[in-house]
Amino acid sequence: MSGSMLLQLDDISKYYGAKPVFKRISFMLDAGQILLLTGANGAGKSTLLKIISGLIPASGGKFTLRPGKKRILAYMGQQTSMYPDLSAMENLAFWNCFYGLSGEPGGIIKALERVNLDAYAQDKAGNFSSGMLKRLELARLILLAPDLLLLDEPETGLDASSQNLLIKEITAAAAQGAAVIWVSHAPDKLLPYTHMLAELGANGKNKFSELNFVEPAPIQPQRNQIEPVTIGTVNASLLNSSRAIFRKDLKLMLGKGAGHAQAVLLGLLLIFMFSLTRGAAEPFSALAASTIFWVSTIFSLTLIFTSLYALEENHGQRQGLLLSPAPIQGVWLGKAMAGLVILFLTQLVFLPAAIIFLDQSIREGTALLISPGVILCVDLGLAAAGSLLGALAQGQAARESILGIIVFPLLLPLLLAAIRLNAMLPDGEYSRNSGGMLAWLNIVLAFDCLFSAAGLLLFSVVYRSQE
């Protein structure tokens, strides 16, 4: 044990309403120590880990991480943070990039070798068994080399060989200076490797909890058994995290095709249905056609960003994103950029359909060159707001937040400006009324800035509130 204090809890309590989960928990954990945390179901073990990780707030007390450099904190529980449609290599490369870790593919291969998955490096994680997914998650932790490692019964569902591998890697992480808190219902196998034992015990029916420490004789891990993987230093920047999200989301959405294809089909269906409402000799005006185009865009926008944020909800990926030292706004920005590309590609598909089905004629060829630029200017604001609305559509925020009700009507001025701008193009009005077009463009740019600022300021609160 290093004797260097890394984590300190002082009188941590947690209540849900008036009901206590536990109260007044205090302990210190040094770098290199392993704390084994046990207790009955409902005693609050997982809740305590989430408080320490910052995923949920405590009701009272405080905890302190040793000041200094920004720490890497990792959480491993029943769920993994792997994307089923990415390969093992692609999953680990994404998490490296999101955490700002510089590393070569060779480092990823070494980590996969240590968990006996190197033969499956190019296989999709969705084809892995639960035990293989746990080992892939362990490879992710090996690469992250966290300072504080929180384990919530990670051995559940593992065979004896995989459990031994897990213990070997965690003790190696402690030997390299990581502090570990390990929740387990079967502590006997872990006791020889534990520096401290803590029990959360219920106090009567109210389940008040106290910690009772036992200090078994510490057993030093075999340091020479495992060779550490070195992948570089942490550079937790907004650019790194947003770029990782952008690349991963485009690959998943365009590669799988589900969200993009649905958005295209929805837009085409709306345009076709509106085309049936006109009489045989009643062509749509440019204003009506523009309105139909942007109404179809809004429906597609909602579907695209709901699909983008749903990518983080199925296997605990959002938890990994929240625990990263990278600015969480990188998730908003990366998904806004990915959504912008997908939305624009979607519009390029159903824009010709709108011209054909709504019987629009382009009087000036220049309008065809201007139109994509105008659409893209509007899409910038829609993507910034859509990324915020997509976050609100998930989890607890979708049920409790009224922010979505407030934000969505704010899109109306932007949509009105978009409708007016597009209506000017087919008839060539943009060339006769350049002042009017400039005024509408100024409105579009103003709302682009407004929604971008709102996303940067509000996203952290919105996304964290879902835990």
Protein backbone atom coordinates (compact mmCIF):
# COMPACT_ATOMS: atom_id res chain seq x y z
CA MET A 1 0.00 0.00 0.00
CA SER A 2 1.26 3.42 -0.94
CA GLY A 3 -0.07 5.36 2.05
CA SER A 4 -1.13 8.19 -0.27
CA MET A 5 -4.77 9.08 0.42
CA LEU A 6 -6.80 9.13 -2.80
CA LEU A 7 -10.43 9.10 -1.61
CA GLN A 8 -12.07 10.30 1.61
CA LEU A 9 -15.74 10.05 2.59
CA ASP A 10 -17.07 12.13 5.49
CA ASP A 11 -20.55 11.31 6.84
CA ILE A 12 -22.07 10.43 3.45
CA SER A 13 -25.82 9.84 3.68
CA LYS A 14 -28.46 9.10 1.07
CA TYR A 15 -32.22 9.53 1.39
CA TYR A 16 -35.03 8.97 -1.08
CA GLY A 17 -37.67 11.27 0.29
CA ALA A 18 -37.77 10.65 4.03
CA LYS A 19 -36.49 7.08 3.70
CA PRO A 20 -32.78 6.59 4.38
CA VAL A 21 -30.75 4.22 2.22
CA PHE A 22 -27.69 4.64 4.45
CA LYS A 23 -26.28 7.41 6.58
CA ARG A 24 -23.02 8.78 7.97
CA ILE A 25 -20.57 6.60 6.06
CA SER A 26 -16.96 7.66 6.49
CA PHE A 27 -13.70 6.09 5.37
CA MET A 28 -10.42 6.83 3.61
CA LEU A 29 -8.90 4.86 0.76
CA ASP A 30 -5.26 5.07 -0.26
CA ALA A 31 -3.85 4.66 -3.74
CA GLY A 32 -3.10 0.97 -4.26
CA GLN A 33 -5.71 -0.25 -1.77
CA ILE A 34 -8.61 -2.60 -2.49
CA LEU A 35 -11.75 -2.14 -0.40
CA LEU A 36 -14.24 -5.01 -0.47
CA LEU A 37 -17.79 -3.76 0.12
CA THR A 38 -20.47 -6.28 1.15
CA GLY A 39 -23.98 -6.19 2.53
CA ALA A 40 -27.53 -7.37 2.05
CA ASN A 41 -29.64 -6.46 -0.97
CA GLY A 42 -31.01 -2.95 -0.56
CA ALA A 43 -28.25 -1.86 1.82
CA GLY A 44 -27.11 0.77 -0.70
CA LYS A 45 -23.87 -0.66 -2.08
CA SER A 46 -24.53 0.30 -5.70
CA THR A 47 -25.93 3.65 -4.59
CA LEU A 48 -22.74 4.39 -2.67
CA LEU A 49 -20.63 3.63 -5.75
CA LYS A 50 -22.75 5.96 -7.88
CA ILE A 51 -22.35 8.73 -5.32
CA ILE A 52 -18.57 8.30 -5.29
CA SER A 53 -18.52 8.32 -9.09
CA GLY A 54 -20.58 11.51 -9.21
CA LEU A 55 -23.45 9.91 -11.12
CA ILE A 56 -25.94 10.79 -8.36
CA PRO A 57 -25.69 13.32 -5.51
CA ALA A 58 -25.45 12.46 -1.83
CA SER A 59 -28.11 13.76 0.54
CA GLY A 60 -25.50 14.80 3.08
CA GLY A 61 -21.80 14.72 3.86
CA LYS A 62 -18.96 15.12 1.41
CA PHE A 63 -16.32 13.09 -0.36
CA THR A 64 -12.96 14.22 -1.64
CA LEU A 65 -10.67 12.94 -4.36
CA ARG A 66 -7.03 13.80 -3.88
CA PRO A 67 -6.44 17.18 -5.54
CA GLY A 68 -4.10 17.43 -8.45
CA LYS A 69 -4.42 16.26 -12.02
CA LYS A 70 -7.82 15.39 -13.43
CA ARG A 71 -8.41 11.78 -12.47
CA ILE A 72 -9.71 8.90 -14.55
CA LEU A 73 -12.51 7.10 -12.75
CA ALA A 74 -13.86 3.83 -14.16
CA TYR A 75 -17.02 1.92 -13.28
CA MET A 76 -17.66 -1.75 -14.08
CA GLY A 77 -20.92 -3.41 -13.20
CA GLN A 78 -23.56 -5.70 -14.63
CA GLN A 79 -23.77 -3.79 -17.90
CA THR A 80 -20.91 -3.15 -20.26
CA SER A 81 -20.38 0.04 -22.25
CA MET A 82 -19.87 -1.69 -25.58
CA TYR A 83 -21.73 -0.89 -28.81
CA PRO A 84 -23.11 -4.10 -30.34
CA ASP A 85 -22.61 -2.98 -33.95
CA LEU A 86 -18.94 -2.08 -33.47
CA SER A 87 -16.14 -4.63 -33.41
CA ALA A 88 -14.05 -5.22 -30.30
CA MET A 89 -11.25 -3.12 -31.81
CA GLU A 90 -13.62 -0.31 -32.78
CA ASN A 91 -15.20 -0.23 -29.33
CA LEU A 92 -11.86 0.11 -27.57
CA ALA A 93 -10.60 2.65 -30.12
CA PHE A 94 -13.71 4.78 -29.53
CA TRP A 95 -13.27 4.84 -25.75
CA ASN A 96 -9.58 5.65 -26.12
CA CYS A 97 -10.42 8.60 -28.36
CA PHE A 98 -13.30 9.84 -26.19
CA TYR A 99 -11.09 9.82 -23.10
CA GLY A 100 -8.36 11.61 -25.04
CA LEU A 101 -5.90 8.75 -24.72
CA SER A 102 -3.25 8.61 -27.40
CA GLY A 103 -2.44 5.04 -28.34
CA GLU A 104 -1.58 2.80 -31.24
CA PRO A 105 -3.67 -0.19 -32.39
CA GLY A 106 -0.91 -2.38 -31.00
CA GLY A 107 -1.83 -1.30 -27.48
CA ILE A 108 -5.44 -2.35 -28.08
CA ILE A 109 -4.31 -5.73 -29.39
CA LYS A 110 -2.18 -6.24 -26.27
CA ALA A 111 -5.15 -5.45 -24.05
CA LEU A 112 -7.30 -7.92 -25.99
CA GLU A 113 -4.58 -10.55 -25.63
CA ARG A 114 -4.58 -10.09 -21.87
CA VAL A 115 -8.30 -10.92 -21.72
CA ASN A 116 -8.02 -13.72 -24.31
CA LEU A 117 -10.05 -11.89 -26.97
CA ASP A 118 -7.36 -11.11 -29.56
CA ALA A 119 -8.79 -13.77 -31.88
CA TYR A 120 -12.12 -11.87 -31.87
CA ALA A 121 -10.70 -8.37 -32.43
CA GLN A 122 -12.67 -7.79 -35.66
CA ASP A 123 -15.89 -9.47 -34.50
CA LYS A 124 -18.89 -7.34 -33.58
CA ALA A 125 -19.50 -7.04 -29.84
CA GLY A 126 -23.16 -7.90 -30.43
CA ASN A 127 -22.09 -11.46 -31.24
CA PHE A 128 -20.20 -11.90 -27.95
CA SER A 129 -21.48 -13.90 -25.00
CA SER A 130 -22.05 -12.08 -21.70
CA GLY A 131 -18.75 -13.40 -20.36
CA MET A 132 -16.86 -12.20 -23.44
CA LEU A 133 -18.47 -8.77 -23.11
CA LYS A 134 -17.30 -8.59 -19.50
CA ARG A 135 -13.77 -9.42 -20.62
CA LEU A 136 -13.99 -6.79 -23.36
CA GLU A 137 -15.05 -4.26 -20.72
CA LEU A 138 -12.05 -5.35 -18.65
CA ALA A 139 -9.82 -4.66 -21.66
CA ARG A 140 -11.29 -1.14 -21.77
CA LEU A 141 -10.35 -0.63 -18.13
CA ILE A 142 -6.84 -1.93 -18.79
CA LEU A 143 -6.40 0.72 -21.48
CA LEU A 144 -7.88 3.52 -19.37
CA ALA A 145 -5.61 2.67 -16.42
CA PRO A 146 -7.95 4.46 -13.97
CA ASP A 147 -6.89 6.06 -10.71
CA LEU A 148 -10.12 4.96 -9.01
CA LEU A 149 -11.88 1.76 -10.01
CA LEU A 150 -15.45 1.05 -8.87
CA LEU A 151 -16.64 -2.54 -9.35
CA ASP A 152 -20.30 -3.46 -8.85
CA GLU A 153 -20.40 -7.28 -8.77
CA PRO A 154 -18.46 -7.59 -12.06
CA GLU A 155 -17.82 -11.29 -11.41
CA THR A 156 -21.52 -12.14 -11.83
CA GLY A 157 -22.04 -14.45 -14.80
CA LEU A 158 -18.35 -15.23 -15.26
CA ASP A 159 -16.96 -18.75 -15.23
CA ALA A 160 -14.11 -19.66 -12.88
CA SER A 161 -11.42 -18.95 -15.48
CA SER A 162 -12.80 -15.49 -16.27
CA GLN A 163 -13.20 -14.71 -12.55
CA ASN A 164 -9.54 -15.54 -11.98
CA LEU A 165 -8.59 -13.32 -14.92
CA LEU A 166 -10.67 -10.48 -13.48
CA ILE A 167 -9.05 -10.79 -10.05
CA LYS A 168 -5.58 -10.93 -11.59
CA GLU A 169 -6.11 -7.74 -13.62
CA ILE A 170 -7.73 -5.80 -10.76
CA THR A 171 -4.95 -6.68 -8.34
CA ALA A 172 -2.45 -5.68 -11.01
CA ALA A 173 -4.22 -2.30 -11.33
CA ALA A 174 -3.94 -1.83 -7.56
CA ALA A 175 -0.26 -2.76 -7.70
CA GLN A 176 0.18 0.03 -10.25
CA GLY A 177 -1.45 2.57 -7.89
CA ALA A 178 -5.19 2.37 -8.53
CA ALA A 179 -7.61 2.49 -5.61
CA VAL A 180 -10.38 -0.12 -5.91
CA ILE A 181 -13.82 -0.44 -4.33
CA TRP A 182 -15.28 -3.87 -5.08
CA VAL A 183 -18.92 -4.74 -4.32
CA SER A 184 -19.52 -8.47 -4.00
CA HIS A 185 -22.02 -10.93 -2.55
CA ALA A 186 -19.36 -13.68 -2.53
CA PRO A 187 -16.38 -12.14 -0.77
CA ASP A 188 -14.57 -15.34 0.23
CA LYS A 189 -12.66 -15.64 -3.02
CA LEU A 190 -11.65 -11.97 -2.93
CA LEU A 191 -10.56 -11.70 0.72
CA PRO A 192 -6.94 -12.79 0.13
CA TYR A 193 -6.50 -9.79 -2.19
CA THR A 194 -8.36 -7.25 -0.05
CA HIS A 195 -6.77 -4.56 2.08
CA MET A 196 -10.01 -3.53 3.79
CA LEU A 197 -13.42 -5.11 4.26
CA ALA A 198 -16.53 -3.00 4.77
CA GLU A 199 -20.07 -4.19 5.42
CA LEU A 200 -23.18 -2.14 4.81
CA GLY A 201 -25.66 -3.57 7.29
CA ALA A 202 -29.34 -2.80 7.71
CA ASN A 203 -30.44 -1.41 11.06
CA GLY A 204 -33.91 -2.78 11.57
CA LYS A 205 -36.69 -2.26 9.05
CA ASN A 206 -35.51 1.21 8.08
CA LYS A 207 -32.23 -0.22 6.73
CA PHE A 208 -29.95 2.33 8.35
CA SER A 209 -26.42 1.33 7.38
CA GLU A 210 -23.08 1.45 9.10
CA LEU A 211 -19.57 0.46 8.06
CA ASN A 212 -17.69 -2.06 10.16
CA PHE A 213 -14.10 -2.49 9.05
CA VAL A 214 -12.00 -5.62 9.33
CA GLU A 215 -8.37 -5.42 8.20
CA PRO A 216 -7.16 -8.79 6.91
CA ALA A 217 -3.45 -9.24 6.41
CA PRO A 218 -2.69 -7.57 3.08
CA ILE A 219 -1.35 -9.82 0.34
CA GLN A 220 0.72 -8.05 -2.28
CA PRO A 221 -0.26 -8.87 -5.87
CA GLN A 222 2.25 -10.61 -8.09
CA ARG A 223 3.52 -7.59 -9.99
CA ASN A 224 5.63 -9.57 -12.41
CA GLN A 225 2.70 -11.56 -13.76
CA ILE A 226 1.27 -8.80 -15.91
CA GLU A 227 2.97 -6.31 -18.14
CA PRO A 228 1.23 -2.92 -18.17
CA VAL A 229 -0.12 -1.48 -21.42
CA THR A 230 1.11 2.08 -21.99
CA ILE A 231 -1.02 4.13 -24.37
CA GLY A 232 0.00 7.69 -23.62
CA THR A 233 -1.36 10.60 -21.62
CA VAL A 234 -4.86 11.95 -21.13
CA ASN A 235 -5.89 14.90 -23.27
CA ALA A 236 -9.51 15.34 -22.22
CA SER A 237 -10.66 18.07 -24.60
CA LEU A 238 -13.96 19.05 -26.13
CA LEU A 239 -12.49 18.44 -29.59
CA ASN A 240 -11.36 14.89 -28.79
CA SER A 241 -14.66 13.82 -27.26
CA SER A 242 -16.87 15.42 -29.92
CA ARG A 243 -14.77 13.95 -32.74
CA ALA A 244 -15.02 10.46 -31.22
CA ILE A 245 -18.81 10.75 -30.87
CA PHE A 246 -19.17 12.15 -34.40
CA ARG A 247 -17.22 9.32 -36.04
CA LYS A 248 -18.87 6.59 -34.01
CA ASP A 249 -22.41 7.89 -34.56
CA LEU A 250 -21.99 8.33 -38.29
CA LYS A 251 -20.66 4.77 -38.59
CA LEU A 252 -23.52 3.32 -36.56
CA MET A 253 -26.32 5.38 -38.12
CA LEU A 254 -25.20 5.26 -41.76
CA GLY A 255 -23.71 1.77 -41.56
CA LYS A 256 -26.71 0.20 -39.92
CA GLY A 257 -29.01 2.51 -41.85
CA ALA A 258 -31.95 2.23 -39.44
CA GLY A 259 -32.31 5.82 -38.21
CA HIS A 260 -31.29 7.42 -41.51
CA ALA A 261 -33.53 5.21 -43.64
CA GLN A 262 -36.51 5.80 -41.35
CA ALA A 263 -35.99 9.56 -41.51
CA VAL A 264 -35.85 9.50 -45.32
CA LEU A 265 -38.96 7.32 -45.58
CA LEU A 266 -40.85 9.51 -43.11
CA GLY A 267 -40.04 12.68 -45.07
CA LEU A 268 -40.99 11.08 -48.38
CA LEU A 269 -44.25 9.78 -46.92
CA LEU A 270 -45.24 13.20 -45.57
CA ILE A 271 -44.45 14.90 -48.87
CA PHE A 272 -46.46 12.30 -50.80
CA MET A 273 -49.43 12.57 -48.44
CA PHE A 274 -49.48 16.37 -48.73
CA SER A 275 -49.32 16.08 -52.52
CA LEU A 276 -52.62 14.15 -52.46
CA THR A 277 -54.44 17.07 -50.85
CA ARG A 278 -54.32 19.32 -53.93
CA GLY A 279 -56.83 19.28 -56.73
CA ALA A 280 -56.01 18.33 -60.30
CA ALA A 281 -55.59 21.95 -61.43
CA GLU A 282 -54.42 23.44 -58.14
CA PRO A 283 -50.61 23.53 -57.99
CA PHE A 284 -48.97 24.24 -54.67
CA SER A 285 -47.59 27.74 -54.21
CA ALA A 286 -43.87 28.10 -53.48
CA LEU A 287 -44.74 29.08 -49.91
CA ALA A 288 -46.93 26.00 -49.39
CA ALA A 289 -44.29 23.70 -50.87
CA SER A 290 -41.59 25.23 -48.66
CA THR A 291 -43.82 24.75 -45.61
CA ILE A 292 -44.34 21.08 -46.43
CA PHE A 293 -40.59 20.58 -46.94
CA TRP A 294 -39.69 22.03 -43.54
CA VAL A 295 -42.51 20.27 -41.70
CA SER A 296 -41.10 17.00 -43.10
CA THR A 297 -37.64 18.12 -41.98
CA ILE A 298 -38.80 18.66 -38.38
CA PHE A 299 -40.31 15.19 -38.16
CA SER A 300 -37.10 13.70 -39.57
CA LEU A 301 -35.01 15.80 -37.17
CA THR A 302 -36.87 14.39 -34.17
CA LEU A 303 -36.40 10.81 -35.36
CA ILE A 304 -32.69 11.29 -36.15
CA PHE A 305 -31.71 12.75 -32.79
CA THR A 306 -33.87 10.35 -30.81
CA SER A 307 -32.04 7.51 -32.58
CA LEU A 308 -28.64 9.11 -31.99
CA TYR A 309 -29.13 9.41 -28.23
CA ALA A 310 -30.74 5.98 -27.99
CA LEU A 311 -27.34 4.57 -29.01
CA GLU A 312 -26.07 5.35 -25.50
CA GLU A 313 -28.97 3.86 -23.54
CA ASN A 314 -29.02 0.10 -24.13
CA HIS A 315 -25.81 -1.21 -22.55
CA GLY A 316 -24.65 1.40 -20.06
CA GLN A 317 -22.68 3.50 -22.56
CA ARG A 318 -23.98 6.78 -21.14
CA GLN A 319 -22.46 5.94 -17.78
CA GLY A 320 -19.06 5.59 -19.42
CA LEU A 321 -19.51 8.95 -21.14
CA LEU A 322 -20.45 10.70 -17.90
CA LEU A 323 -17.46 9.28 -16.03
CA SER A 324 -14.95 10.52 -18.59
CA PRO A 325 -12.73 13.48 -17.67
CA ALA A 326 -13.64 14.95 -21.07
CA PRO A 327 -16.18 17.82 -21.13
CA ILE A 328 -19.62 16.26 -21.37
CA GLN A 329 -20.57 18.96 -23.89
CA GLY A 330 -18.51 16.92 -26.34
CA VAL A 331 -21.42 14.47 -26.51
CA TRP A 332 -23.80 17.30 -27.45
CA LEU A 333 -21.42 18.72 -30.05
CA GLY A 334 -20.49 15.34 -31.57
CA LYS A 335 -24.13 14.30 -31.91
CA ALA A 336 -25.07 17.73 -33.27
CA MET A 337 -22.43 17.37 -36.00
CA ALA A 338 -23.46 13.79 -36.80
CA GLY A 339 -27.13 14.76 -36.83
CA LEU A 340 -26.36 17.73 -39.09
CA VAL A 341 -24.71 15.46 -41.68
CA ILE A 342 -27.50 12.87 -41.52
CA LEU A 343 -30.26 15.52 -41.68
CA PHE A 344 -28.67 17.23 -44.67
CA LEU A 345 -28.24 13.92 -46.51
CA THR A 346 -31.88 13.14 -45.73
CA GLN A 347 -33.02 16.49 -47.14
CA LEU A 348 -30.99 15.98 -50.31
CA VAL A 349 -33.04 12.82 -50.88
CA PHE A 350 -36.50 14.26 -50.38
CA LEU A 351 -35.85 17.78 -51.75
CA PRO A 352 -36.17 16.53 -55.37
CA ALA A 353 -39.24 14.58 -54.30
CA ALA A 354 -40.79 17.79 -52.96
CA ILE A 355 -40.14 19.55 -56.27
CA ILE A 356 -41.67 16.71 -58.28
CA PHE A 357 -44.65 15.71 -56.10
CA LEU A 358 -45.56 19.30 -55.23
CA ASP A 359 -45.24 20.40 -58.87
CA GLN A 360 -42.64 23.11 -58.37
CA SER A 361 -40.75 24.72 -61.24
CA ILE A 362 -37.37 26.39 -60.83
CA ARG A 363 -37.38 29.55 -62.93
CA GLU A 364 -33.74 30.41 -62.32
CA GLY A 365 -31.03 27.78 -62.34
CA THR A 366 -29.04 29.74 -59.78
CA ALA A 367 -31.67 28.83 -57.19
CA LEU A 368 -30.53 25.20 -57.33
CA LEU A 369 -27.05 26.32 -56.30
CA ILE A 370 -28.25 28.63 -53.54
CA SER A 371 -30.82 26.27 -52.03
CA PRO A 372 -28.39 23.74 -50.40
CA GLY A 373 -26.49 26.61 -48.75
CA VAL A 374 -29.70 28.10 -47.34
CA ILE A 375 -30.84 24.70 -46.10
CA LEU A 376 -27.47 24.08 -44.44
CA CYS A 377 -27.58 27.44 -42.63
CA VAL A 378 -30.98 26.53 -41.18
CA ASP A 379 -29.84 23.00 -40.37
CA LEU A 380 -27.03 24.34 -38.16
CA GLY A 381 -29.56 25.77 -35.72
CA LEU A 382 -31.85 22.76 -36.01
CA ALA A 383 -28.97 20.38 -35.24
CA ALA A 384 -27.87 22.42 -32.21
CA ALA A 385 -31.41 22.40 -30.80
CA GLY A 386 -32.10 18.84 -31.95
CA SER A 387 -29.09 17.52 -30.04
CA LEU A 388 -30.47 19.07 -26.86
CA LEU A 389 -33.97 17.75 -27.54
CA GLY A 390 -32.57 14.28 -28.26
CA ALA A 391 -30.97 14.21 -24.82
CA LEU A 392 -34.29 15.24 -23.28
CA ALA A 393 -36.04 12.35 -25.02
CA GLN A 394 -34.14 9.74 -22.99
CA GLY A 395 -34.51 8.33 -19.51
CA GLN A 396 -35.72 10.27 -16.53
CA ALA A 397 -35.40 13.60 -18.33
CA ALA A 398 -38.04 12.51 -20.86
CA ARG A 399 -40.56 11.96 -18.03
CA GLU A 400 -39.80 14.87 -15.74
CA SER A 401 -38.27 17.75 -17.68
CA ILE A 402 -40.37 20.52 -19.18
CA LEU A 403 -37.35 21.90 -21.02
CA GLY A 404 -38.36 20.07 -24.20
CA ILE A 405 -41.75 21.77 -24.11
CA ILE A 406 -39.97 25.11 -23.83
CA VAL A 407 -37.29 24.50 -26.46
CA PHE A 408 -39.47 23.05 -29.21
CA PRO A 409 -41.64 26.20 -29.74
CA LEU A 410 -38.43 28.23 -29.98
CA LEU A 411 -37.82 26.47 -33.28
CA LEU A 412 -40.83 28.23 -34.83
CA PRO A 413 -39.08 31.53 -35.73
CA LEU A 414 -36.23 29.56 -37.31
CA LEU A 415 -38.72 27.45 -39.26
CA LEU A 416 -40.63 30.54 -40.36
CA ALA A 417 -37.42 32.09 -41.66
CA ALA A 418 -36.53 28.83 -43.43
CA ILE A 419 -39.96 28.66 -45.07
CA ARG A 420 -39.74 32.24 -46.31
CA LEU A 421 -36.21 31.77 -47.64
CA ASN A 422 -37.04 28.60 -49.53
CA ALA A 423 -40.21 30.13 -50.94
CA MET A 424 -38.12 32.90 -52.54
CA LEU A 425 -35.98 30.48 -54.52
CA PRO A 426 -38.35 28.76 -57.00
CA ASP A 427 -39.85 32.05 -58.25
CA GLY A 428 -36.57 33.93 -58.36
CA GLU A 429 -37.76 36.39 -55.70
CA TYR A 430 -34.35 36.21 -54.01
CA SER A 431 -32.84 38.22 -56.91
CA ARG A 432 -35.58 40.87 -56.79
CA ASN A 433 -35.75 41.18 -53.02
CA SER A 434 -32.20 40.71 -51.78
CA GLY A 435 -32.87 42.88 -48.73
CA GLY A 436 -35.71 40.67 -47.60
CA MET A 437 -33.64 37.55 -48.08
CA LEU A 438 -30.78 39.06 -46.07
CA ALA A 439 -33.18 39.92 -43.23
CA TRP A 440 -34.41 36.32 -43.04
CA LEU A 441 -30.84 35.02 -43.18
CA ASN A 442 -29.93 37.24 -40.23
CA ILE A 443 -32.78 35.67 -38.25
CA VAL A 444 -31.49 32.21 -39.15
CA LEU A 445 -27.93 33.04 -38.06
CA ALA A 446 -29.17 34.62 -34.82
CA PHE A 447 -31.07 31.46 -33.89
CA ASP A 448 -28.10 29.31 -34.89
CA CYS A 449 -26.05 31.20 -32.29
CA LEU A 450 -28.87 31.06 -29.72
CA PHE A 451 -29.33 27.30 -29.95
CA SER A 452 -25.59 26.65 -29.96
CA ALA A 453 -25.15 28.69 -26.77
CA ALA A 454 -28.16 26.97 -25.17
CA GLY A 455 -26.72 23.55 -25.97
CA LEU A 456 -23.33 24.37 -24.46
CA LEU A 457 -24.85 25.85 -21.30
CA LEU A 458 -27.73 23.44 -20.65
CA PHE A 459 -26.52 20.08 -21.91
CA SER A 460 -24.48 19.14 -18.87
CA VAL A 461 -27.47 19.67 -16.56
CA VAL A 462 -29.88 17.89 -18.91
CA TYR A 463 -27.73 14.83 -19.57
CA ARG A 464 -26.57 14.31 -15.99
CA SER A 465 -30.10 14.69 -14.63
CA GLN A 466 -31.11 11.42 -16.29
CA GLU A 467 -29.18 9.28 -13.79
